[in-house]
Amino acid sequence: MLALGKFPGLDGFLAAGGCSDVGIATSSGAGRSLAELAVGQTPTFDLEPHRLDRFGSIDPFAPAFWERRGQARSGKVSG
């Protein structure tokens, strides 16, 4: 579950996360995309499927988040 691009609500902050299963395979493309964003260029790759806000607002301390996270890690739900 790669999350890549501009961080919503923090102007000038770029992030890449969730790279555990594909980190090595995607690192060059992720790095290139972040570098292009940093200098104001349009990324070579379509980052829309990897938007950081694609799951909506997340409260990492909310019990519902912990439940969804546990289910996703156990394979009961995708996300």
PDB file of N, CA and C in Angstrom:
ATOM      1  N   MET A   1       0.840  -1.154   0.000  1.00  0.00           N
ATOM      2  CA  MET A   1       0.000   0.000   0.000  1.00  0.00           C
ATOM      3  C   MET A   1       0.897   1.233   0.000  1.00  0.00           C
ATOM      4  N   LEU A   2       1.306   1.624  -1.147  1.00  0.00           N
ATOM      5  CA  LEU A   2       2.198   2.769  -1.293  1.00  0.00           C
ATOM      6  C   LEU A   2       1.415   4.070  -1.178  1.00  0.00           C
ATOM      7  N   ALA A   3       1.920   4.996  -0.411  1.00  0.00           N
ATOM      8  CA  ALA A   3       1.362   6.340  -0.288  1.00  0.00           C
ATOM      9  C   ALA A   3       2.473   7.306  -0.660  1.00  0.00           C
ATOM     10  N   LEU A   4       2.212   8.144  -1.652  1.00  0.00           N
ATOM     11  CA  LEU A   4       3.282   8.948  -2.214  1.00  0.00           C
ATOM     12  C   LEU A   4       2.764  10.279  -2.709  1.00  0.00           C
ATOM     13  N   GLY A   5       3.448  11.365  -2.359  1.00  0.00           N
ATOM     14  CA  GLY A   5       3.112  12.657  -2.930  1.00  0.00           C
ATOM     15  C   GLY A   5       3.063  13.778  -1.921  1.00  0.00           C
ATOM     16  N   LYS A   6       2.285  14.809  -2.282  1.00  0.00           N
ATOM     17  CA  LYS A   6       2.142  15.984  -1.435  1.00  0.00           C
ATOM     18  C   LYS A   6       1.274  15.637  -0.244  1.00  0.00           C
ATOM     19  N   PHE A   7       1.697  16.088   0.927  1.00  0.00           N
ATOM     20  CA  PHE A   7       0.954  15.820   2.147  1.00  0.00           C
ATOM     21  C   PHE A   7      -0.160  16.844   2.277  1.00  0.00           C
ATOM     22  N   PRO A   8      -1.420  16.413   2.345  1.00  0.00           N
ATOM     23  CA  PRO A   8      -2.542  17.353   2.425  1.00  0.00           C
ATOM     24  C   PRO A   8      -2.466  18.245   3.662  1.00  0.00           C
ATOM     25  N   GLY A   9      -2.635  19.529   3.451  1.00  0.00           N
ATOM     26  CA  GLY A   9      -2.673  20.469   4.567  1.00  0.00           C
ATOM     27  C   GLY A   9      -1.328  20.997   5.020  1.00  0.00           C
ATOM     28  N   LEU A  10      -0.234  20.465   4.488  1.00  0.00           N
ATOM     29  CA  LEU A  10       1.101  20.964   4.849  1.00  0.00           C
ATOM     30  C   LEU A  10       1.827  21.367   3.571  1.00  0.00           C
ATOM     31  N   ASP A  11       1.754  22.633   3.258  1.00  0.00           N
ATOM     32  CA  ASP A  11       2.340  23.139   2.025  1.00  0.00           C
ATOM     33  C   ASP A  11       3.846  22.868   1.975  1.00  0.00           C
ATOM     34  N   GLY A  12       4.305  22.266   0.898  1.00  0.00           N
ATOM     35  CA  GLY A  12       5.725  22.004   0.704  1.00  0.00           C
ATOM     36  C   GLY A  12       6.230  20.722   1.339  1.00  0.00           C
ATOM     37  N   PHE A  13       5.342  19.938   1.964  1.00  0.00           N
ATOM     38  CA  PHE A  13       5.748  18.693   2.617  1.00  0.00           C
ATOM     39  C   PHE A  13       5.418  17.520   1.698  1.00  0.00           C
ATOM     40  N   LEU A  14       6.430  16.745   1.345  1.00  0.00           N
ATOM     41  CA  LEU A  14       6.252  15.565   0.503  1.00  0.00           C
ATOM     42  C   LEU A  14       6.523  14.320   1.330  1.00  0.00           C
ATOM     43  N   ALA A  15       5.832  13.240   1.017  1.00  0.00           N
ATOM     44  CA  ALA A  15       5.997  12.027   1.811  1.00  0.00           C
ATOM     45  C   ALA A  15       5.909  10.777   0.946  1.00  0.00           C
ATOM     46  N   ALA A  16       6.587   9.735   1.406  1.00  0.00           N
ATOM     47  CA  ALA A  16       6.483   8.402   0.808  1.00  0.00           C
ATOM     48  C   ALA A  16       6.379   7.431   1.980  1.00  0.00           C
ATOM     49  N   GLY A  17       5.376   6.600   1.969  1.00  0.00           N
ATOM     50  CA  GLY A  17       5.193   5.666   3.072  1.00  0.00           C
ATOM     51  C   GLY A  17       4.502   4.397   2.619  1.00  0.00           C
ATOM     52  N   GLY A  18       4.459   3.443   3.522  1.00  0.00           N
ATOM     53  CA  GLY A  18       3.793   2.187   3.231  1.00  0.00           C
ATOM     54  C   GLY A  18       4.499   1.358   2.184  1.00  0.00           C
ATOM     55  N   CYS A  19       5.811   1.467   2.140  1.00  0.00           N
ATOM     56  CA  CYS A  19       6.586   0.812   1.091  1.00  0.00           C
ATOM     57  C   CYS A  19       7.099  -0.572   1.484  1.00  0.00           C
ATOM     58  N   SER A  20       6.580  -1.155   2.552  1.00  0.00           N
ATOM     59  CA  SER A  20       7.166  -2.388   3.072  1.00  0.00           C
ATOM     60  C   SER A  20       7.182  -3.540   2.076  1.00  0.00           C
ATOM     61  N   ASP A  21       6.118  -3.730   1.334  1.00  0.00           N
ATOM     62  CA  ASP A  21       6.096  -4.871   0.419  1.00  0.00           C
ATOM     63  C   ASP A  21       6.671  -4.569  -0.957  1.00  0.00           C
ATOM     64  N   VAL A  22       6.753  -3.320  -1.321  1.00  0.00           N
ATOM     65  CA  VAL A  22       7.256  -2.966  -2.650  1.00  0.00           C
ATOM     66  C   VAL A  22       8.376  -1.931  -2.604  1.00  0.00           C
ATOM     67  N   GLY A  23       8.932  -1.702  -1.435  1.00  0.00           N
ATOM     68  CA  GLY A  23       9.911  -0.634  -1.249  1.00  0.00           C
ATOM     69  C   GLY A  23      11.100  -0.681  -2.175  1.00  0.00           C
ATOM     70  N   ILE A  24      11.755  -1.817  -2.266  1.00  0.00           N
ATOM     71  CA  ILE A  24      12.928  -1.931  -3.127  1.00  0.00           C
ATOM     72  C   ILE A  24      12.541  -1.803  -4.595  1.00  0.00           C
ATOM     73  N   ALA A  25      11.465  -2.459  -4.976  1.00  0.00           N
ATOM     74  CA  ALA A  25      11.047  -2.461  -6.385  1.00  0.00           C
ATOM     75  C   ALA A  25      10.611  -1.084  -6.877  1.00  0.00           C
ATOM     76  N   THR A  26      10.032  -0.287  -5.994  1.00  0.00           N
ATOM     77  CA  THR A  26       9.508   1.011  -6.427  1.00  0.00           C
ATOM     78  C   THR A  26      10.346   2.201  -5.988  1.00  0.00           C
ATOM     79  N   SER A  27      11.443   1.954  -5.292  1.00  0.00           N
ATOM     80  CA  SER A  27      12.197   3.066  -4.713  1.00  0.00           C
ATOM     81  C   SER A  27      12.717   4.060  -5.745  1.00  0.00           C
ATOM     82  N   SER A  28      13.168   3.589  -6.886  1.00  0.00           N
ATOM     83  CA  SER A  28      13.695   4.542  -7.875  1.00  0.00           C
ATOM     84  C   SER A  28      12.579   5.403  -8.457  1.00  0.00           C
ATOM     85  N   GLY A  29      11.433   4.807  -8.738  1.00  0.00           N
ATOM     86  CA  GLY A  29      10.309   5.582  -9.268  1.00  0.00           C
ATOM     87  C   GLY A  29       9.736   6.520  -8.230  1.00  0.00           C
ATOM     88  N   ALA A  30       9.657   6.062  -6.981  1.00  0.00           N
ATOM     89  CA  ALA A  30       9.149   6.912  -5.906  1.00  0.00           C
ATOM     90  C   ALA A  30      10.091   8.093  -5.693  1.00  0.00           C
ATOM     91  N   GLY A  31      11.374   7.836  -5.662  1.00  0.00           N
ATOM     92  CA  GLY A  31      12.354   8.907  -5.487  1.00  0.00           C
ATOM     93  C   GLY A  31      12.310   9.916  -6.615  1.00  0.00           C
ATOM     94  N   ARG A  32      12.197   9.403  -7.829  1.00  0.00           N
ATOM     95  CA  ARG A  32      12.118  10.303  -8.988  1.00  0.00           C
ATOM     96  C   ARG A  32      10.864  11.168  -8.903  1.00  0.00           C
ATOM     97  N   SER A  33       9.741  10.551  -8.565  1.00  0.00           N
ATOM     98  CA  SER A  33       8.483  11.297  -8.482  1.00  0.00           C
ATOM     99  C   SER A  33       8.546  12.387  -7.416  1.00  0.00           C
ATOM    100  N   LEU A  34       9.099  12.067  -6.248  1.00  0.00           N
ATOM    101  CA  LEU A  34       9.222  13.077  -5.194  1.00  0.00           C
ATOM    102  C   LEU A  34      10.172  14.194  -5.604  1.00  0.00           C
ATOM    103  N   ALA A  35      11.254  13.840  -6.276  1.00  0.00           N
ATOM    104  CA  ALA A  35      12.197  14.865  -6.748  1.00  0.00           C
ATOM    105  C   ALA A  35      11.524  15.789  -7.761  1.00  0.00           C
ATOM    106  N   GLU A  36      10.734  15.219  -8.663  1.00  0.00           N
ATOM    107  CA  GLU A  36      10.027  16.040  -9.654  1.00  0.00           C
ATOM    108  C   GLU A  36       9.030  16.966  -8.971  1.00  0.00           C
ATOM    109  N   LEU A  37       8.292  16.453  -7.987  1.00  0.00           N
ATOM    110  CA  LEU A  37       7.361  17.307  -7.242  1.00  0.00           C
ATOM    111  C   LEU A  37       8.101  18.418  -6.504  1.00  0.00           C
ATOM    112  N   ALA A  38       9.243  18.083  -5.926  1.00  0.00           N
ATOM    113  CA  ALA A  38      10.016  19.052  -5.145  1.00  0.00           C
ATOM    114  C   ALA A  38      10.481  20.242  -5.979  1.00  0.00           C
ATOM    115  N   VAL A  39      10.765  20.011  -7.247  1.00  0.00           N
ATOM    116  CA  VAL A  39      11.232  21.111  -8.104  1.00  0.00           C
ATOM    117  C   VAL A  39      10.111  21.688  -8.968  1.00  0.00           C
ATOM    118  N   GLY A  40       8.854  21.283  -8.678  1.00  0.00           N
ATOM    119  CA  GLY A  40       7.708  21.862  -9.371  1.00  0.00           C
ATOM    120  C   GLY A  40       7.389  21.256 -10.716  1.00  0.00           C
ATOM    121  N   GLN A  41       7.925  20.098 -11.027  1.00  0.00           N
ATOM    122  CA  GLN A  41       7.633  19.432 -12.293  1.00  0.00           C
ATOM    123  C   GLN A  41       6.458  18.469 -12.126  1.00  0.00           C
ATOM    124  N   THR A  42       5.814  18.151 -13.237  1.00  0.00           N
ATOM    125  CA  THR A  42       4.782  17.122 -13.234  1.00  0.00           C
ATOM    126  C   THR A  42       5.480  15.771 -13.164  1.00  0.00           C
ATOM    127  N   PRO A  43       5.089  14.921 -12.210  1.00  0.00           N
ATOM    128  CA  PRO A  43       5.750  13.621 -12.091  1.00  0.00           C
ATOM    129  C   PRO A  43       5.611  12.769 -13.359  1.00  0.00           C
ATOM    130  N   THR A  44       6.650  12.030 -13.654  1.00  0.00           N
ATOM    131  CA  THR A  44       6.657  11.131 -14.804  1.00  0.00           C
ATOM    132  C   THR A  44       5.572  10.070 -14.667  1.00  0.00           C
ATOM    133  N   PHE A  45       5.341   9.634 -13.431  1.00  0.00           N
ATOM    134  CA  PHE A  45       4.388   8.566 -13.168  1.00  0.00           C
ATOM    135  C   PHE A  45       3.090   9.139 -12.609  1.00  0.00           C
ATOM    136  N   ASP A  46       1.979   8.465 -12.870  1.00  0.00           N
ATOM    137  CA  ASP A  46       0.684   8.872 -12.343  1.00  0.00           C
ATOM    138  C   ASP A  46       0.627   8.540 -10.854  1.00  0.00           C
ATOM    139  N   LEU A  47       0.588   9.550 -10.011  1.00  0.00           N
ATOM    140  CA  LEU A  47       0.574   9.338  -8.565  1.00  0.00           C
ATOM    141  C   LEU A  47      -0.835   9.298  -7.985  1.00  0.00           C
ATOM    142  N   GLU A  48      -1.848   9.500  -8.803  1.00  0.00           N
ATOM    143  CA  GLU A  48      -3.226   9.532  -8.320  1.00  0.00           C
ATOM    144  C   GLU A  48      -3.607   8.292  -7.514  1.00  0.00           C
ATOM    145  N   PRO A  49      -3.278   7.073  -7.951  1.00  0.00           N
ATOM    146  CA  PRO A  49      -3.654   5.898  -7.158  1.00  0.00           C
ATOM    147  C   PRO A  49      -2.927   5.805  -5.812  1.00  0.00           C
ATOM    148  N   HIS A  50      -1.901   6.627  -5.626  1.00  0.00           N
ATOM    149  CA  HIS A  50      -1.072   6.556  -4.415  1.00  0.00           C
ATOM    150  C   HIS A  50      -1.193   7.791  -3.526  1.00  0.00           C
ATOM    151  N   ARG A  51      -2.224   8.619  -3.771  1.00  0.00           N
ATOM    152  CA  ARG A  51      -2.427   9.832  -2.963  1.00  0.00           C
ATOM    153  C   ARG A  51      -2.432   9.502  -1.476  1.00  0.00           C
ATOM    154  N   LEU A  52      -1.837  10.350  -0.679  1.00  0.00           N
ATOM    155  CA  LEU A  52      -1.812  10.136   0.760  1.00  0.00           C
ATOM    156  C   LEU A  52      -3.192  10.273   1.388  1.00  0.00           C
ATOM    157  N   ASP A  53      -4.076  11.036   0.771  1.00  0.00           N
ATOM    158  CA  ASP A  53      -5.404  11.260   1.353  1.00  0.00           C
ATOM    159  C   ASP A  53      -6.486  10.356   0.766  1.00  0.00           C
ATOM    160  N   ARG A  54      -6.105   9.318   0.040  1.00  0.00           N
ATOM    161  CA  ARG A  54      -7.106   8.499  -0.647  1.00  0.00           C
ATOM    162  C   ARG A  54      -8.016   7.714   0.298  1.00  0.00           C
ATOM    163  N   PHE A  55      -7.632   7.545   1.538  1.00  0.00           N
ATOM    164  CA  PHE A  55      -8.462   6.839   2.504  1.00  0.00           C
ATOM    165  C   PHE A  55      -9.239   7.797   3.403  1.00  0.00           C
ATOM    166  N   GLY A  56      -9.132   9.083   3.119  1.00  0.00           N
ATOM    167  CA  GLY A  56      -9.818  10.073   3.938  1.00  0.00           C
ATOM    168  C   GLY A  56      -8.998  10.425   5.169  1.00  0.00           C
ATOM    169  N   SER A  57      -9.632  11.148   6.062  1.00  0.00           N
ATOM    170  CA  SER A  57      -8.973  11.567   7.282  1.00  0.00           C
ATOM    171  C   SER A  57      -8.785  10.362   8.211  1.00  0.00           C
ATOM    172  N   ILE A  58      -7.614  10.253   8.797  1.00  0.00           N
ATOM    173  CA  ILE A  58      -7.313   9.134   9.683  1.00  0.00           C
ATOM    174  C   ILE A  58      -6.855   9.670  11.033  1.00  0.00           C
ATOM    175  N   ASP A  59      -7.483   9.171  12.083  1.00  0.00           N
ATOM    176  CA  ASP A  59      -7.054   9.479  13.442  1.00  0.00           C
ATOM    177  C   ASP A  59      -6.347   8.231  13.967  1.00  0.00           C
ATOM    178  N   PRO A  60      -5.010   8.243  14.039  1.00  0.00           N
ATOM    179  CA  PRO A  60      -4.280   7.039  14.432  1.00  0.00           C
ATOM    180  C   PRO A  60      -4.534   6.586  15.868  1.00  0.00           C
ATOM    181  N   PHE A  61      -5.248   7.382  16.646  1.00  0.00           N
ATOM    182  CA  PHE A  61      -5.542   7.012  18.027  1.00  0.00           C
ATOM    183  C   PHE A  61      -6.984   6.531  18.213  1.00  0.00           C
ATOM    184  N   ALA A  62      -7.786   6.591  17.146  1.00  0.00           N
ATOM    185  CA  ALA A  62      -9.186   6.188  17.233  1.00  0.00           C
ATOM    186  C   ALA A  62      -9.314   4.663  17.263  1.00  0.00           C
ATOM    187  N   PRO A  63     -10.164   4.136  18.131  1.00  0.00           N
ATOM    188  CA  PRO A  63     -10.366   2.680  18.198  1.00  0.00           C
ATOM    189  C   PRO A  63     -10.782   2.068  16.860  1.00  0.00           C
ATOM    190  N   ALA A  64     -11.581   2.788  16.077  1.00  0.00           N
ATOM    191  CA  ALA A  64     -12.011   2.261  14.772  1.00  0.00           C
ATOM    192  C   ALA A  64     -10.813   2.077  13.840  1.00  0.00           C
ATOM    193  N   PHE A  65      -9.853   2.988  13.912  1.00  0.00           N
ATOM    194  CA  PHE A  65      -8.653   2.853  13.082  1.00  0.00           C
ATOM    195  C   PHE A  65      -7.871   1.607  13.484  1.00  0.00           C
ATOM    196  N   TRP A  66      -7.713   1.380  14.772  1.00  0.00           N
ATOM    197  CA  TRP A  66      -6.967   0.210  15.247  1.00  0.00           C
ATOM    198  C   TRP A  66      -7.660  -1.085  14.820  1.00  0.00           C
ATOM    199  N   GLU A  67      -8.987  -1.096  14.841  1.00  0.00           N
ATOM    200  CA  GLU A  67      -9.743  -2.276  14.424  1.00  0.00           C
ATOM    201  C   GLU A  67      -9.542  -2.546  12.930  1.00  0.00           C
ATOM    202  N   ARG A  68      -9.686  -1.500  12.103  1.00  0.00           N
ATOM    203  CA  ARG A  68      -9.473  -1.652  10.646  1.00  0.00           C
ATOM    204  C   ARG A  68      -8.052  -2.092  10.360  1.00  0.00           C
ATOM    205  N   ARG A  69      -7.111  -1.507  11.059  1.00  0.00           N
ATOM    206  CA  ARG A  69      -5.697  -1.847  10.864  1.00  0.00           C
ATOM    207  C   ARG A  69      -5.456  -3.324  11.195  1.00  0.00           C
ATOM    208  N   GLY A  70      -5.998  -3.791  12.294  1.00  0.00           N
ATOM    209  CA  GLY A  70      -5.837  -5.190  12.676  1.00  0.00           C
ATOM    210  C   GLY A  70      -6.464  -6.134  11.668  1.00  0.00           C
ATOM    211  N   GLN A  71      -7.648  -5.773  11.176  1.00  0.00           N
ATOM    212  CA  GLN A  71      -8.306  -6.612  10.184  1.00  0.00           C
ATOM    213  C   GLN A  71      -7.528  -6.651   8.883  1.00  0.00           C
ATOM    214  N   ALA A  72      -7.002  -5.508   8.472  1.00  0.00           N
ATOM    215  CA  ALA A  72      -6.225  -5.459   7.230  1.00  0.00           C
ATOM    216  C   ALA A  72      -4.964  -6.300   7.339  1.00  0.00           C
ATOM    217  N   ARG A  73      -4.298  -6.221   8.474  1.00  0.00           N
ATOM    218  CA  ARG A  73      -3.077  -6.991   8.660  1.00  0.00           C
ATOM    219  C   ARG A  73      -3.336  -8.493   8.751  1.00  0.00           C
ATOM    220  N   SER A  74      -4.520  -8.864   9.204  1.00  0.00           N
ATOM    221  CA  SER A  74      -4.837 -10.294   9.303  1.00  0.00           C
ATOM    222  C   SER A  74      -5.414 -10.834   8.003  1.00  0.00           C
ATOM    223  N   GLY A  75      -5.602  -9.965   7.005  1.00  0.00           N
ATOM    224  CA  GLY A  75      -6.100 -10.389   5.703  1.00  0.00           C
ATOM    225  C   GLY A  75      -7.605 -10.426   5.590  1.00  0.00           C
ATOM    226  N   LYS A  76      -8.319  -9.924   6.587  1.00  0.00           N
ATOM    227  CA  LYS A  76      -9.778  -9.953   6.561  1.00  0.00           C
ATOM    228  C   LYS A  76     -10.372  -8.878   5.667  1.00  0.00           C
ATOM    229  N   VAL A  77      -9.656  -7.774   5.487  1.00  0.00           N
ATOM    230  CA  VAL A  77     -10.096  -6.704   4.609  1.00  0.00           C
ATOM    231  C   VAL A  77      -8.901  -6.218   3.817  1.00  0.00           C
ATOM    232  N   SER A  78      -9.148  -5.614   2.670  1.00  0.00           N
ATOM    233  CA  SER A  78      -8.043  -5.047   1.898  1.00  0.00           C
ATOM    234  C   SER A  78      -7.972  -3.567   2.189  1.00  0.00           C
ATOM    235  N   GLY A  79      -6.837  -2.968   1.854  1.00  0.00           N
ATOM    236  CA  GLY A  79      -6.756  -1.528   2.080  1.00  0.00           C
ATOM    237  C   GLY A  79      -5.383  -1.144   2.128  1.00  0.00           C
TER     238      GLY A  79
END
